[in-house]
N, C-alpha and C. Protein backbone atom coordinates (compact mmCIF):
# COMPACT_ATOMS: atom_id res chain seq x y z
N MET A 1 1.08 -1.19 0.01
CA MET A 1 0.09 -0.08 -0.12
C MET A 1 0.97 1.41 0.08
N ALA A 2 0.48 2.22 -1.09
CA ALA A 2 1.33 3.44 -1.09
C ALA A 2 0.99 4.40 0.32
N LYS A 3 2.09 5.20 0.69
CA LYS A 3 1.79 6.14 1.94
C LYS A 3 1.40 7.47 1.14
N VAL A 4 0.16 7.89 1.51
CA VAL A 4 -0.18 9.09 1.11
C VAL A 4 0.14 10.43 1.89
N LYS A 5 0.91 11.32 1.65
CA LYS A 5 1.73 12.30 1.89
C LYS A 5 0.38 13.42 2.30
N LYS A 6 0.40 13.64 3.92
CA LYS A 6 -0.32 14.95 4.54
C LYS A 6 0.25 15.98 4.09
N ARG A 7 -0.48 16.86 3.10
CA ARG A 7 -0.29 18.29 3.09
C ARG A 7 -0.23 19.05 4.34
N LYS A 8 0.51 19.95 4.37
CA LYS A 8 0.76 20.86 5.58
C LYS A 8 -0.26 22.07 5.32
N VAL A 9 -1.29 22.40 6.66
CA VAL A 9 -1.95 23.27 6.46
C VAL A 9 -1.26 24.61 6.55
N LEU A 10 -1.69 25.41 5.53
CA LEU A 10 -1.09 26.84 5.19
C LEU A 10 -1.95 27.93 5.76
N ARG A 11 -1.23 29.01 6.97
CA ARG A 11 -2.14 29.91 7.53
C ARG A 11 -1.36 31.08 7.18
N THR A 12 -2.54 32.21 7.49
CA THR A 12 -1.93 33.51 7.37
C THR A 12 -1.40 34.15 8.59
N GLN A 13 -0.73 35.15 8.72
CA GLN A 13 -0.03 35.67 9.88
C GLN A 13 -1.37 35.77 10.85
N SER A 14 -2.48 35.89 10.56
CA SER A 14 -3.58 36.13 11.63
C SER A 14 -4.07 34.71 12.09
N GLY A 15 -3.92 33.80 11.30
CA GLY A 15 -4.12 32.43 11.62
C GLY A 15 -5.12 31.64 10.82
N ALA A 16 -5.93 32.17 9.64
CA ALA A 16 -6.87 32.01 9.01
C ALA A 16 -6.09 30.64 7.99
N GLU A 17 -7.01 29.80 7.69
CA GLU A 17 -6.13 28.60 6.81
C GLU A 17 -6.44 29.10 5.56
N LEU A 18 -5.31 28.87 4.83
CA LEU A 18 -5.14 29.29 3.25
C LEU A 18 -5.72 28.07 2.53
N THR A 19 -7.00 28.21 1.76
CA THR A 19 -7.23 27.01 1.30
C THR A 19 -6.69 27.26 -0.20
N PRO A 20 -6.73 26.00 -1.14
CA PRO A 20 -6.40 25.96 -2.55
C PRO A 20 -6.96 26.95 -3.13
N GLU A 21 -8.27 27.28 -2.81
CA GLU A 21 -9.14 28.21 -3.63
C GLU A 21 -8.49 29.79 -3.46
N ILE A 22 -8.36 29.79 -2.07
CA ILE A 22 -7.81 31.36 -1.57
C ILE A 22 -6.53 31.63 -2.31
N ILE A 23 -5.73 30.53 -2.20
CA ILE A 23 -4.30 30.57 -2.83
C ILE A 23 -4.24 30.74 -4.16
N ASP A 24 -5.23 30.10 -5.25
CA ASP A 24 -5.62 30.30 -6.38
C ASP A 24 -5.72 31.80 -6.76
N ALA A 25 -6.59 32.22 -6.05
CA ALA A 25 -7.18 33.85 -6.23
C ALA A 25 -6.35 34.56 -5.75
N LEU A 26 -5.27 34.39 -4.94
CA LEU A 26 -4.32 35.29 -4.60
C LEU A 26 -3.16 35.18 -5.49
N ALA A 27 -2.96 34.02 -6.25
CA ALA A 27 -1.97 33.92 -7.26
C ALA A 27 -2.39 34.54 -8.57
N ALA A 28 -3.72 34.43 -8.96
CA ALA A 28 -4.31 35.32 -9.77
C ALA A 28 -4.20 36.67 -9.82
N GLU A 29 -4.31 36.94 -8.39
CA GLU A 29 -4.05 38.47 -8.77
C GLU A 29 -2.86 38.97 -8.63
N ALA A 30 -1.81 38.32 -8.08
CA ALA A 30 -0.44 38.73 -8.20
C ALA A 30 -0.35 38.62 -9.55
N GLU A 31 -0.12 37.82 -10.56
CA GLU A 31 -0.17 37.53 -11.66
C GLU A 31 -0.75 38.66 -12.63
N GLY A 32 -1.82 39.03 -11.98
CA GLY A 32 -2.24 40.35 -12.83
C GLY A 32 -1.57 41.77 -12.57
N GLY A 33 -0.77 41.59 -11.46
CA GLY A 33 0.26 42.56 -11.37
C GLY A 33 -0.38 43.85 -10.36
N TYR A 34 0.34 44.48 -9.75
CA TYR A 34 -0.26 45.80 -8.96
C TYR A 34 0.35 47.09 -9.43
N ASP A 35 -0.17 47.90 -8.96
CA ASP A 35 0.18 49.32 -9.14
C ASP A 35 0.62 49.63 -7.92
N LEU A 36 2.11 49.72 -7.71
CA LEU A 36 2.78 50.28 -6.69
C LEU A 36 2.85 51.70 -6.56
N SER A 37 2.17 52.33 -7.52
CA SER A 37 2.37 54.15 -7.23
C SER A 37 1.16 54.06 -6.05
N GLU A 38 0.29 53.20 -5.59
CA GLU A 38 -0.64 53.44 -4.53
C GLU A 38 -0.23 52.70 -3.50
N ALA A 39 0.70 51.94 -3.31
CA ALA A 39 1.08 50.93 -2.22
C ALA A 39 1.67 52.25 -1.10
N ARG A 40 1.56 51.53 0.23
CA ARG A 40 1.84 52.37 1.18
C ARG A 40 3.02 52.02 1.88
N ARG A 41 4.15 52.50 2.26
CA ARG A 41 5.25 51.55 3.27
C ARG A 41 4.79 51.46 4.47
N ARG A 42 5.19 50.57 4.72
CA ARG A 42 4.66 50.14 6.45
C ARG A 42 6.05 49.96 7.06
N PRO A 43 6.06 50.79 8.20
CA PRO A 43 7.40 50.54 9.18
C PRO A 43 7.51 49.22 9.52
N VAL A 44 8.58 48.76 9.53
CA VAL A 44 9.41 47.77 10.01
C VAL A 44 9.83 47.62 11.56
N GLY A 45 9.70 46.45 12.23
CA GLY A 45 10.15 47.04 13.52
C GLY A 45 9.32 47.29 14.63
N ARG A 46 10.09 47.63 15.67
CA ARG A 46 9.27 48.27 16.96
C ARG A 46 9.48 50.06 16.85
N PRO A 47 8.60 50.48 17.21
CA PRO A 47 8.33 51.89 16.98
C PRO A 47 9.32 52.51 17.96
N SER A 48 9.87 53.90 17.44
CA SER A 48 10.92 54.42 18.22
C SER A 48 10.44 54.66 19.54
N LEU A 49 11.39 54.72 20.47
CA LEU A 49 11.13 55.40 21.63
C LEU A 49 10.90 56.73 22.14
N SER A 50 11.25 57.49 21.26
CA SER A 50 11.34 59.11 21.12
C SER A 50 10.29 59.28 20.22
N GLY A 51 9.52 58.26 19.66
CA GLY A 51 8.26 58.93 18.86
C GLY A 51 8.56 58.95 17.43
N ASN A 52 10.16 59.51 17.07
CA ASN A 52 10.09 59.61 15.77
C ASN A 52 12.13 59.15 15.31
N GLY A 53 12.01 59.01 14.41
CA GLY A 53 13.29 58.38 13.85
C GLY A 53 13.73 56.88 14.60
N SER A 54 14.87 56.75 14.74
CA SER A 54 15.17 55.20 15.28
C SER A 54 15.73 55.20 16.86
N SER A 55 15.58 54.08 17.56
CA SER A 55 16.44 54.18 18.85
C SER A 55 17.27 53.28 18.85
N PRO A 56 18.62 53.59 19.18
CA PRO A 56 19.66 52.97 19.07
C PRO A 56 19.93 52.06 20.39
N ARG A 57 20.49 50.55 19.82
CA ARG A 57 20.27 49.39 20.92
C ARG A 57 21.41 49.27 21.19
N MET A 58 21.32 49.03 22.82
CA MET A 58 22.60 48.84 23.43
C MET A 58 22.43 47.33 24.13
N SER A 59 23.74 46.74 24.06
CA SER A 59 23.80 45.37 24.66
C SER A 59 24.92 45.05 25.32
N PHE A 60 24.62 44.24 26.57
CA PHE A 60 26.07 44.32 27.56
C PHE A 60 25.65 42.97 28.45
N ARG A 61 26.83 42.25 28.94
CA ARG A 61 26.76 41.29 29.88
C ARG A 61 26.63 41.46 31.27
N THR A 62 25.87 40.88 31.80
CA THR A 62 26.10 41.05 33.63
C THR A 62 26.19 39.82 34.23
N SER A 63 26.37 39.60 35.61
CA SER A 63 26.36 38.48 36.18
C SER A 63 25.13 37.61 36.14
N PRO A 64 25.08 36.37 36.53
CA PRO A 64 23.66 36.02 36.88
C PRO A 64 22.73 36.54 38.04
N GLU A 65 23.55 36.93 39.10
CA GLU A 65 23.01 37.69 40.29
C GLU A 65 22.28 38.88 39.83
N THR A 66 23.23 39.68 38.96
CA THR A 66 22.45 41.11 38.67
C THR A 66 21.32 40.67 37.79
N TYR A 67 21.34 39.93 36.83
CA TYR A 67 20.04 39.46 35.76
C TYR A 67 18.99 39.19 36.65
N GLY A 68 19.18 38.07 37.71
CA GLY A 68 18.08 37.93 38.60
C GLY A 68 17.44 38.78 39.19
N ALA A 69 18.51 39.56 39.90
CA ALA A 69 17.71 40.81 40.60
C ALA A 69 16.89 41.74 39.78
N ALA A 70 17.70 41.95 38.41
CA ALA A 70 16.78 42.75 37.38
C ALA A 70 15.65 42.24 36.90
N GLN A 71 15.65 40.95 37.02
CA GLN A 71 14.05 40.27 36.63
C GLN A 71 13.21 40.48 37.67
N ARG A 72 13.54 40.09 38.96
CA ARG A 72 12.56 40.29 40.02
C ARG A 72 12.09 41.54 40.28
N ARG A 73 12.95 42.78 40.25
CA ARG A 73 12.75 43.98 40.37
C ARG A 73 11.82 44.57 39.20
N ALA A 74 11.93 44.15 38.22
CA ALA A 74 11.10 44.44 36.88
C ALA A 74 9.67 43.82 37.12
N GLU A 75 9.81 42.52 37.48
CA GLU A 75 8.46 42.00 37.76
C GLU A 75 7.54 42.75 38.71
N GLU A 76 8.28 43.13 39.74
CA GLU A 76 7.81 43.78 41.09
C GLU A 76 7.08 45.18 40.62
N GLU A 77 7.60 45.79 39.97
CA GLU A 77 7.24 47.11 39.39
C GLU A 77 6.50 47.00 37.83
N GLY A 78 6.36 45.72 37.61
CA GLY A 78 5.60 45.29 36.26
C GLY A 78 5.92 46.38 35.22
N ILE A 79 7.30 45.89 34.85
CA ILE A 79 7.85 46.62 33.63
C ILE A 79 8.89 45.67 32.98
N SER A 80 9.49 46.12 31.93
CA SER A 80 10.23 45.19 31.32
C SER A 80 11.51 45.13 31.90
N ILE A 81 12.56 44.11 31.87
CA ILE A 81 14.14 44.56 31.83
C ILE A 81 14.63 45.40 31.16
N SER A 82 13.90 45.86 30.13
CA SER A 82 14.82 46.84 29.27
C SER A 82 14.28 48.19 29.80
N GLU A 83 12.91 48.07 30.04
CA GLU A 83 12.59 49.61 30.77
C GLU A 83 13.12 49.79 32.01
N LEU A 84 13.33 48.95 32.87
CA LEU A 84 14.08 48.86 34.18
C LEU A 84 15.45 49.40 33.92
N ALA A 85 16.15 48.66 32.77
CA ALA A 85 17.54 49.18 32.34
C ALA A 85 17.72 50.67 32.04
N ARG A 86 16.54 50.89 30.87
CA ARG A 86 16.50 52.63 30.46
C ARG A 86 16.50 53.39 31.71
N GLU A 87 15.56 53.26 32.66
CA GLU A 87 15.30 54.10 33.75
C GLU A 87 16.39 54.06 34.73
N ALA A 88 17.41 52.98 34.66
CA ALA A 88 18.61 53.06 35.62
C ALA A 88 19.41 53.94 34.94
N LEU A 89 19.89 53.77 33.75
CA LEU A 89 20.57 54.42 33.31
C LEU A 89 20.60 55.99 33.16
N ASP A 90 19.33 56.15 32.75
CA ASP A 90 18.61 57.84 32.74
C ASP A 90 19.12 58.49 33.97
N ARG A 91 18.79 57.66 34.96
CA ARG A 91 19.08 58.38 36.49
C ARG A 91 20.49 58.34 36.54
N TYR A 92 21.33 57.35 36.24
CA TYR A 92 22.67 57.40 36.26
C TYR A 92 23.47 58.56 35.81
N LEU A 93 22.86 58.77 34.64
CA LEU A 93 23.66 59.65 33.53
C LEU A 93 23.06 61.13 33.67
N SER A 94 21.91 61.25 34.38
CA SER A 94 21.34 62.55 34.53
C SER A 94 22.57 63.51 35.54
N PRO A 95 22.25 64.89 35.37
CA PRO A 95 23.45 65.55 36.06
C PRO A 95 22.86 65.53 37.68
N ALA A 96 23.98 65.52 38.49
CA ALA A 96 23.82 65.63 39.94
C ALA A 96 23.19 66.91 40.49
N PRO A 97 22.31 66.74 41.52
CA PRO A 97 21.87 68.06 42.07
C PRO A 97 23.00 68.57 42.71
N ARG A 98 23.12 70.13 42.59
CA ARG A 98 23.90 71.12 43.46
C ARG A 98 23.61 71.25 44.51
């Protein structure tokens, strides 16, 4: 008896199943061509922290103890480790009161 290979179910990014009919319709639309003059550019990635432009990325290593303490503190405050690190660095770099 021959084995029948089961076809993988394809899904859209939102999770909707792509049936053969939908795939055929999308292919026909693509083959017809698109008017790119009406296309809108969509931003890629995360939004800027300042609201415009890009936000530089910082990366550094730390001890497991410091990382664990940061995880616990961030969880206590209901924020991400990134936000905790940004706030700590901003405070450290701000001018000292005279």
